[in-house]
């Protein structure tokens, strides 16, 4: 579980923020520390969650934020410095932050030219930071949990593990040994494994179902 949590941190750090968080190699990675802190539930955090769910007005009166200030400041400064570096040095990456930066740039161009913007929400730095943070929070726990359950199931069903391995080898051979988008798209058996993992252990919600016949392996 810890290994998958570190792996998920690195993947999301790269896909969302364009950063090499290096959580797999360094336990004390700042990004990993903050990632853990987001999901740590102490008494005050539980109280904030309860108030936000049942008495949101009281939370506003008390001026309590749902997020710890150190976590908020870390992500704000990280994303701001990333955007600033890219703008100053004309650096582009194929990631989530870059996508939002491009939308912001297009909207600014339209405003300069007096064109109408086809959106009710104007993309600014605050919107980019908020969306990048949500991307991290929404993707981290679900990815880590699903991968952990998936690896457990593969360790139990080693015939499926071998079949998955042979499938990956076969697909990569058809794509010159390169792990590309199209290669991943062709790994249908791997997709089926993840789908079955999510059926057995849903990462987000619990789905109640009643089976009306005997099924092998369940």
N, C-alpha and C. Protein backbone atom coordinates (compact mmCIF):
# COMPACT_ATOMS: atom_id res chain seq x y z
N UNK A 1 0.84 -1.21 0.00
CA UNK A 1 0.00 0.00 0.00
C UNK A 1 0.87 1.26 0.00
N UNK A 2 1.94 1.26 0.82
CA UNK A 2 2.82 2.42 0.87
C UNK A 2 3.54 2.64 -0.46
N UNK A 3 3.96 1.52 -1.07
CA UNK A 3 4.67 1.60 -2.35
C UNK A 3 3.76 2.20 -3.42
N UNK A 4 2.51 1.74 -3.45
CA UNK A 4 1.55 2.25 -4.43
C UNK A 4 1.19 3.71 -4.17
N UNK A 5 1.18 4.10 -2.89
CA UNK A 5 0.92 5.50 -2.55
C UNK A 5 2.05 6.39 -3.07
N UNK A 6 3.29 5.92 -2.92
CA UNK A 6 4.44 6.68 -3.43
C UNK A 6 4.41 6.76 -4.95
N UNK A 7 4.09 5.62 -5.58
CA UNK A 7 4.01 5.57 -7.04
C UNK A 7 2.93 6.53 -7.55
N UNK A 8 1.77 6.53 -6.88
CA UNK A 8 0.66 7.41 -7.28
C UNK A 8 1.05 8.88 -7.13
N UNK A 9 1.79 9.19 -6.07
CA UNK A 9 2.27 10.56 -5.87
C UNK A 9 3.15 11.00 -7.03
N UNK A 10 4.07 10.11 -7.45
CA UNK A 10 4.97 10.43 -8.56
C UNK A 10 4.21 10.61 -9.88
N UNK A 11 3.25 9.71 -10.12
CA UNK A 11 2.48 9.76 -11.37
C UNK A 11 1.64 11.04 -11.45
N UNK A 12 0.91 11.33 -10.37
CA UNK A 12 0.05 12.52 -10.37
C UNK A 12 0.89 13.80 -10.35
N UNK A 13 2.00 13.76 -9.63
CA UNK A 13 2.91 14.91 -9.62
C UNK A 13 3.39 15.26 -11.02
N UNK A 14 3.64 14.22 -11.82
CA UNK A 14 4.10 14.42 -13.19
C UNK A 14 2.96 14.83 -14.11
N UNK A 15 1.83 14.10 -14.03
CA UNK A 15 0.69 14.36 -14.94
C UNK A 15 0.01 15.70 -14.65
N UNK A 16 -0.12 16.05 -13.39
CA UNK A 16 -0.84 17.27 -13.02
C UNK A 16 0.07 18.49 -12.97
N UNK A 17 1.23 18.34 -12.29
CA UNK A 17 2.08 19.50 -12.02
C UNK A 17 3.35 19.55 -12.88
N UNK A 18 3.64 18.46 -13.59
CA UNK A 18 4.85 18.42 -14.39
C UNK A 18 6.11 18.38 -13.54
N UNK A 19 6.01 17.76 -12.36
CA UNK A 19 7.14 17.72 -11.42
C UNK A 19 7.63 16.31 -11.19
N UNK A 20 8.93 16.18 -10.98
CA UNK A 20 9.50 14.89 -10.58
C UNK A 20 9.55 14.88 -9.06
N UNK A 21 8.51 14.31 -8.42
CA UNK A 21 8.42 14.35 -6.96
C UNK A 21 9.34 13.34 -6.29
N UNK A 22 9.77 12.30 -7.03
CA UNK A 22 10.77 11.34 -6.55
C UNK A 22 10.38 10.69 -5.22
N UNK A 23 9.10 10.42 -5.03
CA UNK A 23 8.63 9.83 -3.77
C UNK A 23 9.08 8.38 -3.59
N UNK A 24 9.26 7.67 -4.71
CA UNK A 24 9.68 6.27 -4.62
C UNK A 24 11.08 6.13 -4.05
N UNK A 25 11.94 7.08 -4.39
CA UNK A 25 13.34 7.00 -3.94
C UNK A 25 13.59 7.70 -2.61
N UNK A 26 12.77 8.73 -2.33
CA UNK A 26 12.99 9.50 -1.11
C UNK A 26 11.73 9.53 -0.25
N UNK A 27 11.78 8.87 0.90
CA UNK A 27 10.63 8.81 1.80
C UNK A 27 10.26 10.20 2.31
N UNK A 28 11.28 11.06 2.47
CA UNK A 28 11.05 12.40 3.01
C UNK A 28 10.74 13.43 1.93
N UNK A 29 10.34 12.98 0.75
CA UNK A 29 9.94 13.91 -0.31
C UNK A 29 8.85 14.84 0.20
N UNK A 30 9.02 16.15 0.00
CA UNK A 30 8.07 17.13 0.52
C UNK A 30 6.67 16.91 -0.06
N UNK A 31 6.62 16.54 -1.33
CA UNK A 31 5.34 16.29 -1.98
C UNK A 31 4.62 15.11 -1.32
N UNK A 32 5.38 14.09 -0.99
CA UNK A 32 4.81 12.90 -0.34
C UNK A 32 4.32 13.25 1.06
N UNK A 33 5.10 14.06 1.78
CA UNK A 33 4.71 14.48 3.14
C UNK A 33 3.37 15.21 3.10
N UNK A 34 3.25 16.15 2.17
CA UNK A 34 2.02 16.93 2.06
C UNK A 34 0.85 16.07 1.59
N UNK A 35 1.15 15.11 0.72
CA UNK A 35 0.12 14.19 0.26
C UNK A 35 -0.46 13.37 1.40
N UNK A 36 0.42 12.91 2.28
CA UNK A 36 -0.04 12.15 3.46
C UNK A 36 -0.85 13.04 4.39
N UNK A 37 -0.38 14.28 4.53
CA UNK A 37 -1.03 15.20 5.46
C UNK A 37 -2.46 15.54 5.02
N UNK A 38 -2.69 15.57 3.71
CA UNK A 38 -4.03 15.87 3.19
C UNK A 38 -5.05 14.87 3.72
N UNK A 39 -4.63 13.59 3.81
CA UNK A 39 -5.57 12.52 4.17
C UNK A 39 -5.50 12.10 5.64
N UNK A 40 -4.61 12.73 6.41
CA UNK A 40 -4.55 12.43 7.84
C UNK A 40 -5.73 13.09 8.55
N UNK A 41 -6.46 12.29 9.33
CA UNK A 41 -7.67 12.80 9.99
C UNK A 41 -7.45 12.92 11.49
N UNK A 42 -7.19 14.14 11.96
CA UNK A 42 -7.13 14.38 13.40
C UNK A 42 -8.50 14.89 13.85
N UNK A 43 -8.61 15.22 15.14
CA UNK A 43 -9.91 15.64 15.68
C UNK A 43 -10.45 16.90 14.99
N UNK A 44 -9.56 17.90 14.82
CA UNK A 44 -9.99 19.16 14.22
C UNK A 44 -10.47 18.97 12.78
N UNK A 45 -9.76 18.11 12.03
CA UNK A 45 -10.16 17.88 10.65
C UNK A 45 -11.51 17.17 10.57
N UNK A 46 -11.72 16.21 11.47
CA UNK A 46 -13.01 15.52 11.53
C UNK A 46 -14.13 16.50 11.87
N UNK A 47 -13.82 17.43 12.78
CA UNK A 47 -14.81 18.43 13.18
C UNK A 47 -15.14 19.35 12.00
N UNK A 48 -14.11 19.74 11.25
CA UNK A 48 -14.32 20.60 10.08
C UNK A 48 -15.19 19.91 9.03
N UNK A 49 -14.91 18.62 8.80
CA UNK A 49 -15.69 17.84 7.82
C UNK A 49 -17.15 17.76 8.26
N UNK A 50 -17.36 17.50 9.55
CA UNK A 50 -18.73 17.40 10.08
C UNK A 50 -19.47 18.72 9.95
N UNK A 51 -18.80 19.82 10.29
CA UNK A 51 -19.42 21.15 10.19
C UNK A 51 -19.72 21.51 8.74
N UNK A 52 -18.80 21.17 7.84
CA UNK A 52 -19.00 21.48 6.43
C UNK A 52 -20.20 20.73 5.87
N UNK A 53 -20.41 19.50 6.36
CA UNK A 53 -21.52 18.67 5.87
C UNK A 53 -22.86 19.11 6.45
N UNK A 54 -22.87 19.46 7.75
CA UNK A 54 -24.14 19.72 8.43
C UNK A 54 -24.41 21.20 8.73
N UNK A 55 -23.33 21.96 8.99
CA UNK A 55 -23.51 23.38 9.33
C UNK A 55 -22.50 24.25 8.56
N UNK A 56 -22.60 24.30 7.23
CA UNK A 56 -21.62 25.08 6.44
C UNK A 56 -21.61 26.56 6.80
N UNK A 57 -22.77 27.08 7.21
CA UNK A 57 -22.85 28.49 7.60
C UNK A 57 -22.00 28.79 8.82
N UNK A 58 -21.99 27.87 9.79
CA UNK A 58 -21.20 28.04 11.01
C UNK A 58 -19.71 28.01 10.68
N UNK A 59 -19.35 27.18 9.71
CA UNK A 59 -17.94 27.09 9.30
C UNK A 59 -17.46 28.43 8.73
N UNK A 60 -18.34 29.08 7.98
CA UNK A 60 -17.99 30.39 7.41
C UNK A 60 -17.89 31.46 8.50
N UNK A 61 -18.79 31.38 9.49
CA UNK A 61 -18.77 32.35 10.60
C UNK A 61 -17.47 32.20 11.40
N UNK A 62 -17.07 30.95 11.64
CA UNK A 62 -15.84 30.68 12.39
C UNK A 62 -14.58 30.94 11.56
N UNK A 63 -14.79 31.10 10.23
CA UNK A 63 -13.68 31.31 9.29
C UNK A 63 -12.69 30.16 9.33
N UNK A 64 -13.22 28.98 9.45
CA UNK A 64 -12.40 27.77 9.42
C UNK A 64 -12.28 27.28 7.99
N UNK A 65 -11.08 26.99 7.59
CA UNK A 65 -10.86 26.41 6.26
C UNK A 65 -10.83 24.89 6.38
N UNK A 66 -11.27 24.23 5.32
CA UNK A 66 -11.27 22.77 5.32
C UNK A 66 -9.85 22.23 5.25
N UNK A 67 -8.95 23.03 4.71
CA UNK A 67 -7.59 22.59 4.47
C UNK A 67 -6.61 23.26 5.43
N UNK A 68 -5.64 22.50 5.90
CA UNK A 68 -4.59 23.02 6.76
C UNK A 68 -3.79 24.09 6.01
N UNK A 69 -3.42 25.15 6.69
CA UNK A 69 -2.73 26.28 6.06
C UNK A 69 -1.39 25.87 5.44
N UNK A 70 -0.66 24.96 6.10
CA UNK A 70 0.65 24.55 5.57
C UNK A 70 0.49 23.80 4.25
N UNK A 71 -0.56 22.97 4.15
CA UNK A 71 -0.83 22.22 2.91
C UNK A 71 -1.23 23.20 1.81
N UNK A 72 -2.13 24.10 2.16
CA UNK A 72 -2.61 25.10 1.18
C UNK A 72 -1.46 25.93 0.64
N UNK A 73 -0.62 26.43 1.54
CA UNK A 73 0.51 27.28 1.14
C UNK A 73 1.51 26.51 0.28
N UNK A 74 1.73 25.23 0.61
CA UNK A 74 2.67 24.41 -0.15
C UNK A 74 2.22 24.26 -1.59
N UNK A 75 0.95 23.87 -1.78
CA UNK A 75 0.45 23.64 -3.14
C UNK A 75 0.35 24.95 -3.93
N UNK A 76 -0.05 26.02 -3.26
CA UNK A 76 -0.13 27.32 -3.94
C UNK A 76 1.25 27.76 -4.44
N UNK A 77 2.25 27.69 -3.55
CA UNK A 77 3.60 28.13 -3.93
C UNK A 77 4.21 27.21 -4.99
N UNK A 78 3.94 25.89 -4.89
CA UNK A 78 4.47 24.93 -5.86
C UNK A 78 3.91 25.20 -7.25
N UNK A 79 2.60 25.36 -7.34
CA UNK A 79 1.97 25.56 -8.65
C UNK A 79 2.31 26.93 -9.22
N UNK A 80 2.34 27.95 -8.35
CA UNK A 80 2.69 29.31 -8.80
C UNK A 80 4.11 29.35 -9.36
N UNK A 81 5.05 28.72 -8.65
CA UNK A 81 6.44 28.74 -9.11
C UNK A 81 6.59 27.94 -10.41
N UNK A 82 5.82 26.86 -10.55
CA UNK A 82 5.84 26.06 -11.79
C UNK A 82 5.36 26.90 -12.97
N UNK A 83 4.23 27.60 -12.78
CA UNK A 83 3.68 28.43 -13.85
C UNK A 83 4.61 29.58 -14.19
N UNK A 84 5.17 30.21 -13.16
CA UNK A 84 6.07 31.34 -13.36
C UNK A 84 7.31 30.93 -14.15
N UNK A 85 7.89 29.78 -13.79
CA UNK A 85 9.09 29.28 -14.48
C UNK A 85 8.79 29.01 -15.96
N UNK A 86 7.64 28.40 -16.22
CA UNK A 86 7.28 28.07 -17.60
C UNK A 86 7.05 29.33 -18.44
N UNK A 87 6.39 30.31 -17.85
CA UNK A 87 6.11 31.55 -18.58
C UNK A 87 7.39 32.33 -18.87
N UNK A 88 8.29 32.40 -17.89
CA UNK A 88 9.54 33.16 -18.05
C UNK A 88 10.50 32.49 -19.03
N UNK A 89 10.53 31.15 -19.01
CA UNK A 89 11.49 30.41 -19.83
C UNK A 89 10.88 29.76 -21.06
N UNK A 90 9.60 30.08 -21.32
CA UNK A 90 8.90 29.54 -22.49
C UNK A 90 8.96 28.01 -22.53
N UNK A 91 8.73 27.41 -21.37
CA UNK A 91 8.75 25.94 -21.25
C UNK A 91 7.32 25.41 -21.32
N UNK A 92 7.13 24.35 -22.09
CA UNK A 92 5.81 23.71 -22.16
C UNK A 92 5.93 22.23 -21.86
N UNK A 93 4.89 21.69 -21.24
CA UNK A 93 4.84 20.25 -20.95
C UNK A 93 3.43 19.76 -21.24
N UNK A 94 3.33 18.48 -21.52
CA UNK A 94 2.02 17.90 -21.80
C UNK A 94 1.39 17.42 -20.50
N UNK A 95 0.90 18.37 -19.68
CA UNK A 95 0.30 18.00 -18.40
C UNK A 95 -0.93 18.88 -18.11
N UNK A 96 -1.57 18.63 -16.98
CA UNK A 96 -2.83 19.28 -16.64
C UNK A 96 -2.67 20.79 -16.43
N UNK A 97 -1.63 21.18 -15.71
CA UNK A 97 -1.38 22.61 -15.46
C UNK A 97 -1.15 23.35 -16.78
N UNK A 98 -0.39 22.73 -17.69
CA UNK A 98 -0.12 23.35 -18.98
C UNK A 98 -1.40 23.55 -19.78
N UNK A 99 -2.29 22.56 -19.71
CA UNK A 99 -3.57 22.65 -20.41
C UNK A 99 -4.37 23.87 -19.93
N UNK A 100 -4.43 24.05 -18.60
CA UNK A 100 -5.16 25.19 -18.04
C UNK A 100 -4.46 26.52 -18.36
N UNK A 101 -3.13 26.50 -18.38
CA UNK A 101 -2.38 27.71 -18.74
C UNK A 101 -2.67 28.13 -20.19
N UNK A 102 -2.80 27.14 -21.06
CA UNK A 102 -3.11 27.43 -22.47
C UNK A 102 -4.50 28.03 -22.62
N UNK A 103 -5.46 27.49 -21.85
CA UNK A 103 -6.83 28.04 -21.88
C UNK A 103 -6.83 29.48 -21.38
N UNK A 104 -6.09 29.73 -20.29
CA UNK A 104 -5.98 31.09 -19.74
C UNK A 104 -5.39 32.04 -20.79
N UNK A 105 -4.36 31.59 -21.48
CA UNK A 105 -3.69 32.40 -22.50
C UNK A 105 -4.66 32.74 -23.65
N UNK A 106 -5.42 31.73 -24.07
CA UNK A 106 -6.40 31.94 -25.15
C UNK A 106 -7.48 32.94 -24.74
N UNK A 107 -7.93 32.83 -23.49
CA UNK A 107 -8.96 33.75 -23.00
C UNK A 107 -8.44 35.19 -22.92
N UNK A 108 -7.19 35.35 -22.48
CA UNK A 108 -6.58 36.68 -22.42
C UNK A 108 -6.47 37.30 -23.82
N UNK A 109 -6.12 36.46 -24.80
CA UNK A 109 -6.02 36.93 -26.19
C UNK A 109 -7.38 37.40 -26.70
N UNK A 110 -8.41 36.63 -26.36
CA UNK A 110 -9.77 37.00 -26.78
C UNK A 110 -10.21 38.32 -26.14
N UNK A 111 -9.85 38.49 -24.85
CA UNK A 111 -10.20 39.73 -24.15
C UNK A 111 -9.52 40.93 -24.80
N UNK A 112 -8.24 40.77 -25.16
CA UNK A 112 -7.49 41.85 -25.81
C UNK A 112 -8.11 42.24 -27.15
N UNK A 113 -8.60 41.22 -27.86
CA UNK A 113 -9.19 41.46 -29.18
C UNK A 113 -10.67 41.81 -29.12
N UNK A 114 -11.20 41.91 -27.90
CA UNK A 114 -12.60 42.26 -27.74
C UNK A 114 -13.57 41.16 -28.12
N UNK A 115 -13.07 39.92 -28.15
CA UNK A 115 -13.92 38.79 -28.51
C UNK A 115 -14.65 38.27 -27.28
N UNK A 116 -15.77 37.60 -27.53
CA UNK A 116 -16.56 37.04 -26.43
C UNK A 116 -15.97 35.71 -25.99
N UNK A 117 -15.90 35.50 -24.67
CA UNK A 117 -15.37 34.25 -24.13
C UNK A 117 -16.53 33.27 -23.91
N UNK A 118 -16.39 32.07 -24.47
CA UNK A 118 -17.46 31.06 -24.41
C UNK A 118 -17.46 30.30 -23.08
N UNK A 119 -17.49 31.03 -21.98
CA UNK A 119 -17.49 30.38 -20.67
C UNK A 119 -17.96 31.36 -19.60
N UNK A 120 -18.64 30.83 -18.59
CA UNK A 120 -19.09 31.67 -17.47
C UNK A 120 -17.95 31.91 -16.48
N UNK A 121 -16.95 31.02 -16.51
CA UNK A 121 -15.82 31.10 -15.58
C UNK A 121 -14.57 31.53 -16.34
N UNK A 122 -13.93 32.61 -15.87
CA UNK A 122 -12.68 33.07 -16.47
C UNK A 122 -11.53 32.35 -15.78
N UNK A 123 -10.68 31.70 -16.57
CA UNK A 123 -9.54 30.97 -16.01
C UNK A 123 -8.46 31.95 -15.57
N UNK A 124 -8.18 31.96 -14.27
CA UNK A 124 -7.06 32.74 -13.73
C UNK A 124 -6.19 31.82 -12.89
N UNK A 125 -5.17 32.39 -12.24
CA UNK A 125 -4.23 31.57 -11.46
C UNK A 125 -4.93 30.81 -10.33
N UNK A 126 -5.92 31.45 -9.69
CA UNK A 126 -6.64 30.79 -8.60
C UNK A 126 -7.38 29.56 -9.08
N UNK A 127 -8.02 29.67 -10.25
CA UNK A 127 -8.76 28.54 -10.83
C UNK A 127 -7.80 27.41 -11.19
N UNK A 128 -6.65 27.76 -11.75
CA UNK A 128 -5.65 26.75 -12.12
C UNK A 128 -5.15 26.01 -10.88
N UNK A 129 -4.81 26.77 -9.82
CA UNK A 129 -4.32 26.16 -8.58
C UNK A 129 -5.37 25.26 -7.96
N UNK A 130 -6.62 25.74 -7.90
CA UNK A 130 -7.71 24.96 -7.31
C UNK A 130 -7.94 23.66 -8.06
N UNK A 131 -7.96 23.72 -9.40
CA UNK A 131 -8.20 22.53 -10.20
C UNK A 131 -7.05 21.53 -10.13
N UNK A 132 -5.83 22.05 -10.10
CA UNK A 132 -4.66 21.16 -9.99
C UNK A 132 -4.66 20.44 -8.64
N UNK A 133 -5.06 21.15 -7.58
CA UNK A 133 -5.12 20.53 -6.25
C UNK A 133 -6.21 19.46 -6.21
N UNK A 134 -7.38 19.77 -6.78
CA UNK A 134 -8.47 18.79 -6.82
C UNK A 134 -8.05 17.56 -7.61
N UNK A 135 -7.31 17.77 -8.70
CA UNK A 135 -6.79 16.67 -9.52
C UNK A 135 -5.94 15.74 -8.64
N UNK A 136 -5.09 16.34 -7.82
CA UNK A 136 -4.23 15.55 -6.93
C UNK A 136 -5.04 14.79 -5.89
N UNK A 137 -5.93 15.48 -5.20
CA UNK A 137 -6.71 14.87 -4.12
C UNK A 137 -7.62 13.76 -4.65
N UNK A 138 -8.30 14.04 -5.77
CA UNK A 138 -9.24 13.07 -6.32
C UNK A 138 -8.53 11.84 -6.89
N UNK A 139 -7.33 12.07 -7.45
CA UNK A 139 -6.64 10.96 -8.10
C UNK A 139 -5.74 10.15 -7.20
N UNK A 140 -5.22 10.75 -6.14
CA UNK A 140 -4.21 10.07 -5.32
C UNK A 140 -4.75 8.83 -4.62
N UNK A 141 -5.74 9.00 -3.76
CA UNK A 141 -6.23 7.89 -2.93
C UNK A 141 -6.87 6.80 -3.78
N UNK A 142 -7.66 7.20 -4.78
CA UNK A 142 -8.34 6.21 -5.63
C UNK A 142 -7.33 5.38 -6.43
N UNK A 143 -6.30 6.04 -6.95
CA UNK A 143 -5.28 5.34 -7.74
C UNK A 143 -4.49 4.38 -6.86
N UNK A 144 -4.03 4.86 -5.71
CA UNK A 144 -3.24 4.03 -4.79
C UNK A 144 -4.03 2.82 -4.31
N UNK A 145 -5.28 3.02 -3.94
CA UNK A 145 -6.13 1.92 -3.44
C UNK A 145 -6.40 0.89 -4.53
N UNK A 146 -6.75 1.36 -5.73
CA UNK A 146 -7.06 0.45 -6.83
C UNK A 146 -5.84 -0.38 -7.21
N UNK A 147 -4.68 0.25 -7.30
CA UNK A 147 -3.45 -0.48 -7.64
C UNK A 147 -3.10 -1.50 -6.56
N UNK A 148 -3.29 -1.14 -5.30
CA UNK A 148 -3.00 -2.06 -4.19
C UNK A 148 -3.90 -3.29 -4.26
N UNK A 149 -5.20 -3.08 -4.43
CA UNK A 149 -6.14 -4.20 -4.54
C UNK A 149 -5.83 -5.05 -5.78
N UNK A 150 -5.49 -4.39 -6.87
CA UNK A 150 -5.20 -5.08 -8.12
C UNK A 150 -3.99 -6.01 -7.96
N UNK A 151 -2.92 -5.50 -7.36
CA UNK A 151 -1.71 -6.31 -7.15
C UNK A 151 -1.98 -7.47 -6.19
N UNK A 152 -2.83 -7.23 -5.20
CA UNK A 152 -3.20 -8.31 -4.28
C UNK A 152 -3.92 -9.43 -5.03
N UNK A 153 -4.91 -9.05 -5.85
CA UNK A 153 -5.67 -10.05 -6.60
C UNK A 153 -4.78 -10.82 -7.57
N UNK A 154 -3.83 -10.14 -8.19
CA UNK A 154 -2.90 -10.81 -9.11
C UNK A 154 -1.97 -11.76 -8.38
N UNK A 155 -1.62 -11.41 -7.14
CA UNK A 155 -0.76 -12.32 -6.35
C UNK A 155 -1.51 -13.58 -5.93
N UNK A 156 -2.82 -13.44 -5.72
CA UNK A 156 -3.66 -14.58 -5.36
C UNK A 156 -3.95 -15.46 -6.58
N UNK A 157 -4.23 -14.81 -7.71
CA UNK A 157 -4.55 -15.53 -8.96
C UNK A 157 -3.36 -15.43 -9.91
N UNK A 158 -2.36 -16.28 -9.66
CA UNK A 158 -1.11 -16.17 -10.41
C UNK A 158 -1.25 -16.59 -11.87
N UNK A 159 -2.27 -17.38 -12.20
CA UNK A 159 -2.52 -17.72 -13.60
C UNK A 159 -2.93 -16.47 -14.39
N UNK A 160 -3.73 -15.62 -13.76
CA UNK A 160 -4.13 -14.35 -14.38
C UNK A 160 -2.93 -13.42 -14.48
N UNK A 161 -2.07 -13.45 -13.46
CA UNK A 161 -0.86 -12.62 -13.46
C UNK A 161 0.02 -12.98 -14.65
N UNK A 162 0.21 -14.28 -14.90
CA UNK A 162 1.03 -14.74 -16.02
C UNK A 162 0.38 -14.35 -17.36
N UNK A 163 -0.94 -14.50 -17.42
CA UNK A 163 -1.68 -14.13 -18.63
C UNK A 163 -1.53 -12.63 -18.92
N UNK A 164 -1.58 -11.83 -17.85
CA UNK A 164 -1.41 -10.38 -18.00
C UNK A 164 -0.01 -10.04 -18.50
N UNK A 165 0.98 -10.73 -17.95
CA UNK A 165 2.37 -10.51 -18.36
C UNK A 165 2.56 -10.82 -19.84
N UNK A 166 2.05 -11.98 -20.27
CA UNK A 166 2.19 -12.38 -21.67
C UNK A 166 1.44 -11.42 -22.60
N UNK A 167 0.32 -10.92 -22.12
CA UNK A 167 -0.47 -9.95 -22.91
C UNK A 167 0.32 -8.66 -23.11
N UNK A 168 0.96 -8.17 -22.03
CA UNK A 168 1.77 -6.94 -22.12
C UNK A 168 2.93 -7.14 -23.08
N UNK A 169 3.63 -8.28 -22.97
CA UNK A 169 4.76 -8.58 -23.85
C UNK A 169 4.31 -8.60 -25.31
N UNK A 170 3.16 -9.24 -25.57
CA UNK A 170 2.62 -9.34 -26.93
C UNK A 170 2.26 -7.97 -27.51
N UNK A 171 1.60 -7.15 -26.70
CA UNK A 171 1.19 -5.81 -27.17
C UNK A 171 2.40 -4.93 -27.44
N UNK A 172 3.37 -4.94 -26.52
CA UNK A 172 4.56 -4.11 -26.70
C UNK A 172 5.36 -4.53 -27.93
N UNK A 173 5.35 -5.83 -28.24
CA UNK A 173 6.05 -6.32 -29.42
C UNK A 173 5.44 -5.72 -30.69
N UNK A 174 4.13 -5.53 -30.67
CA UNK A 174 3.43 -4.94 -31.82
C UNK A 174 3.67 -3.44 -31.94
N UNK A 175 4.21 -2.83 -30.86
CA UNK A 175 4.47 -1.39 -30.86
C UNK A 175 5.96 -1.07 -30.73
N UNK A 176 6.78 -1.98 -31.21
CA UNK A 176 8.22 -1.74 -31.22
C UNK A 176 8.85 -1.67 -29.85
N UNK A 177 8.21 -2.28 -28.85
CA UNK A 177 8.75 -2.29 -27.49
C UNK A 177 8.58 -0.99 -26.74
N UNK A 178 7.86 -0.03 -27.32
CA UNK A 178 7.66 1.28 -26.68
C UNK A 178 6.31 1.34 -25.95
N UNK A 179 6.34 1.90 -24.72
CA UNK A 179 5.09 2.09 -23.96
C UNK A 179 4.50 3.43 -24.40
N UNK A 180 3.61 3.38 -25.39
CA UNK A 180 2.98 4.58 -25.92
C UNK A 180 1.50 4.60 -25.56
N UNK A 181 0.84 5.71 -25.89
CA UNK A 181 -0.61 5.82 -25.65
C UNK A 181 -1.36 4.71 -26.38
N UNK A 182 -1.01 4.49 -27.65
CA UNK A 182 -1.69 3.46 -28.44
C UNK A 182 -1.42 2.06 -27.90
N UNK A 183 -0.20 1.84 -27.39
CA UNK A 183 0.13 0.53 -26.81
C UNK A 183 -0.73 0.27 -25.58
N UNK A 184 -0.85 1.27 -24.71
CA UNK A 184 -1.68 1.13 -23.51
C UNK A 184 -3.15 0.92 -23.89
N UNK A 185 -3.58 1.60 -24.94
CA UNK A 185 -4.96 1.47 -25.40
C UNK A 185 -5.26 0.05 -25.87
N UNK A 186 -4.25 -0.61 -26.43
CA UNK A 186 -4.43 -1.97 -26.94
C UNK A 186 -4.37 -3.04 -25.85
N UNK A 187 -4.01 -2.66 -24.64
CA UNK A 187 -3.91 -3.64 -23.54
C UNK A 187 -5.29 -3.88 -22.93
N UNK A 188 -6.16 -4.50 -23.70
CA UNK A 188 -7.55 -4.70 -23.29
C UNK A 188 -7.66 -5.61 -22.06
N UNK A 189 -6.80 -6.62 -22.00
CA UNK A 189 -6.86 -7.55 -20.87
C UNK A 189 -6.50 -6.85 -19.56
N UNK A 190 -5.54 -5.93 -19.61
CA UNK A 190 -5.16 -5.16 -18.42
C UNK A 190 -6.32 -4.28 -17.98
N UNK A 191 -7.00 -3.69 -18.95
CA UNK A 191 -8.17 -2.87 -18.66
C UNK A 191 -9.26 -3.70 -17.99
N UNK A 192 -9.43 -4.95 -18.45
CA UNK A 192 -10.41 -5.85 -17.86
C UNK A 192 -10.05 -6.20 -16.41
N UNK A 193 -8.75 -6.34 -16.15
CA UNK A 193 -8.28 -6.63 -14.79
C UNK A 193 -8.62 -5.47 -13.85
N UNK A 194 -8.37 -4.24 -14.31
CA UNK A 194 -8.71 -3.07 -13.49
C UNK A 194 -10.22 -2.95 -13.28
N UNK A 195 -10.98 -3.25 -14.33
CA UNK A 195 -12.45 -3.19 -14.23
C UNK A 195 -12.95 -4.20 -13.20
N UNK A 196 -12.37 -5.39 -13.20
CA UNK A 196 -12.78 -6.42 -12.24
C UNK A 196 -12.34 -6.05 -10.82
N UNK A 197 -11.16 -5.44 -10.70
CA UNK A 197 -10.69 -4.97 -9.39
C UNK A 197 -11.65 -3.94 -8.82
N UNK A 198 -12.09 -3.01 -9.65
CA UNK A 198 -13.02 -1.97 -9.20
C UNK A 198 -14.40 -2.54 -8.90
N UNK A 199 -14.75 -3.64 -9.57
CA UNK A 199 -16.02 -4.29 -9.26
C UNK A 199 -15.97 -4.92 -7.87
N UNK A 200 -14.84 -5.56 -7.57
CA UNK A 200 -14.68 -6.23 -6.27
C UNK A 200 -14.49 -5.22 -5.15
N UNK A 201 -13.63 -4.23 -5.40
CA UNK A 201 -13.30 -3.24 -4.36
C UNK A 201 -13.37 -1.84 -4.95
N UNK A 202 -14.55 -1.25 -4.91
CA UNK A 202 -14.72 0.10 -5.46
C UNK A 202 -13.89 1.11 -4.68
N UNK A 203 -13.22 1.99 -5.41
CA UNK A 203 -12.33 2.96 -4.76
C UNK A 203 -13.07 4.13 -4.14
N UNK A 204 -14.28 4.39 -4.60
CA UNK A 204 -14.98 5.59 -4.13
C UNK A 204 -16.23 5.29 -3.32
N UNK A 205 -17.13 4.49 -3.87
CA UNK A 205 -18.39 4.24 -3.17
C UNK A 205 -18.65 2.75 -3.03
N UNK A 206 -19.48 2.41 -2.08
CA UNK A 206 -19.87 1.02 -1.86
C UNK A 206 -21.16 0.74 -2.62
N UNK A 207 -21.14 -0.28 -3.48
CA UNK A 207 -22.31 -0.63 -4.27
C UNK A 207 -22.88 -1.95 -3.75
N UNK A 208 -24.11 -1.90 -3.29
CA UNK A 208 -24.75 -3.11 -2.79
C UNK A 208 -25.37 -3.86 -3.96
N UNK A 209 -25.08 -5.16 -4.04
CA UNK A 209 -25.63 -5.99 -5.11
C UNK A 209 -25.94 -7.37 -4.57
N UNK A 210 -26.94 -8.00 -5.13
CA UNK A 210 -27.33 -9.34 -4.72
C UNK A 210 -27.14 -10.29 -5.90
N UNK A 211 -26.32 -11.32 -5.71
CA UNK A 211 -26.04 -12.28 -6.77
C UNK A 211 -27.12 -13.36 -6.76
N UNK A 212 -27.69 -13.65 -7.93
CA UNK A 212 -28.79 -14.63 -7.98
C UNK A 212 -28.35 -15.99 -8.53
N UNK A 213 -27.03 -16.16 -8.77
CA UNK A 213 -26.54 -17.47 -9.19
C UNK A 213 -25.07 -17.63 -8.78
N UNK A 214 -24.62 -18.87 -8.73
CA UNK A 214 -23.24 -19.17 -8.34
C UNK A 214 -22.28 -18.75 -9.45
N UNK A 215 -21.22 -18.02 -9.08
CA UNK A 215 -20.20 -17.62 -10.05
C UNK A 215 -18.85 -18.11 -9.57
N UNK A 216 -18.08 -18.71 -10.46
CA UNK A 216 -16.78 -19.24 -10.10
C UNK A 216 -15.83 -18.12 -9.65
N UNK A 217 -15.19 -18.33 -8.52
CA UNK A 217 -14.20 -17.36 -8.03
C UNK A 217 -14.76 -16.29 -7.13
N UNK A 218 -16.08 -16.35 -6.84
CA UNK A 218 -16.67 -15.35 -5.95
C UNK A 218 -17.29 -16.02 -4.74
